[in-house]
């Protein structure tokens, strides 16, 4: 869990309109969101069809798609 220390920007009626965070905390949140995105992509890939191919075939496909 990311610990944050927010500061709020409020309007004349004291309604919260924006949040200020220290840069280090914001970067930690972004890192966590990227990790979550990777986990979701992995889970989606694992839930799809599990076609198996030979390792050599996979390497060949990667090499053929590689552009210098």
Protein backbone atom coordinates (compact mmCIF):
# COMPACT_ATOMS: atom_id res chain seq x y z
CA UNK A 1 0.00 0.00 0.00
CA UNK A 2 1.25 3.44 -0.90
CA UNK A 3 1.17 5.99 1.91
CA UNK A 4 0.29 9.46 0.70
CA UNK A 5 0.24 12.88 2.29
CA UNK A 6 -2.23 14.85 0.18
CA UNK A 7 -2.85 18.55 0.35
CA UNK A 8 -6.14 19.76 -1.07
CA UNK A 9 -6.91 22.81 -3.17
CA UNK A 10 -10.34 24.13 -2.25
CA UNK A 11 -12.68 26.71 -3.72
CA UNK A 12 -14.43 29.58 -1.90
CA UNK A 13 -17.00 27.16 -0.45
CA UNK A 14 -14.23 24.84 0.80
CA UNK A 15 -15.09 22.14 -1.78
CA UNK A 16 -12.05 20.08 -2.76
CA UNK A 17 -11.03 20.80 -6.35
CA UNK A 18 -7.53 19.31 -6.66
CA UNK A 19 -4.90 17.32 -4.80
CA UNK A 20 -1.22 18.08 -4.36
CA UNK A 21 1.21 15.26 -3.63
CA UNK A 22 4.96 15.17 -3.17
CA UNK A 23 6.63 14.06 -6.39
CA UNK A 24 8.10 10.93 -4.78
CA UNK A 25 4.64 9.80 -3.69
CA UNK A 26 3.20 10.47 -7.15
CA UNK A 27 6.00 8.48 -8.79
CA UNK A 28 5.32 5.58 -6.40
CA UNK A 29 1.62 5.67 -7.36
CA UNK A 30 2.54 5.62 -11.07
CA UNK A 31 4.89 2.66 -10.49
CA UNK A 32 2.14 0.78 -8.66
CA UNK A 33 -0.37 1.49 -11.45
CA UNK A 34 2.10 0.25 -14.08
CA UNK A 35 2.64 -2.93 -12.07
CA UNK A 36 -1.11 -3.42 -11.78
CA UNK A 37 -1.46 -2.92 -15.54
CA UNK A 38 1.21 -5.60 -16.13
CA UNK A 39 -0.59 -8.00 -13.79
CA UNK A 40 -3.90 -7.43 -15.56
CA UNK A 41 -2.28 -7.99 -18.97
CA UNK A 42 -0.69 -11.21 -17.72
CA UNK A 43 -4.00 -12.42 -16.28
CA UNK A 44 -5.77 -11.62 -19.56
CA UNK A 45 -3.12 -13.48 -21.54
CA UNK A 46 -3.36 -16.51 -19.27
CA UNK A 47 -7.15 -16.61 -19.53
CA UNK A 48 -7.03 -16.76 -23.34
CA UNK A 49 -6.28 -19.76 -25.54
CA UNK A 50 -3.09 -21.57 -24.57
CA UNK A 51 -1.69 -22.54 -27.95
CA UNK A 52 1.71 -24.13 -27.57
CA UNK A 53 4.54 -23.68 -30.05
CA UNK A 54 8.08 -25.00 -30.10
CA UNK A 55 10.70 -22.75 -28.53
CA UNK A 56 12.70 -22.69 -31.75
CA UNK A 57 9.62 -21.55 -33.68
CA UNK A 58 9.02 -18.72 -31.19
CA UNK A 59 12.64 -17.58 -31.45
CA UNK A 60 12.41 -17.61 -35.25
CA UNK A 61 9.22 -15.51 -35.17
CA UNK A 62 10.86 -12.99 -32.86
CA UNK A 63 13.99 -12.79 -35.01
CA UNK A 64 11.97 -12.35 -38.21
CA UNK A 65 10.00 -9.52 -36.61
CA UNK A 66 13.11 -7.76 -35.34
CA UNK A 67 13.89 -4.58 -37.29
CA UNK A 68 17.38 -3.06 -37.00
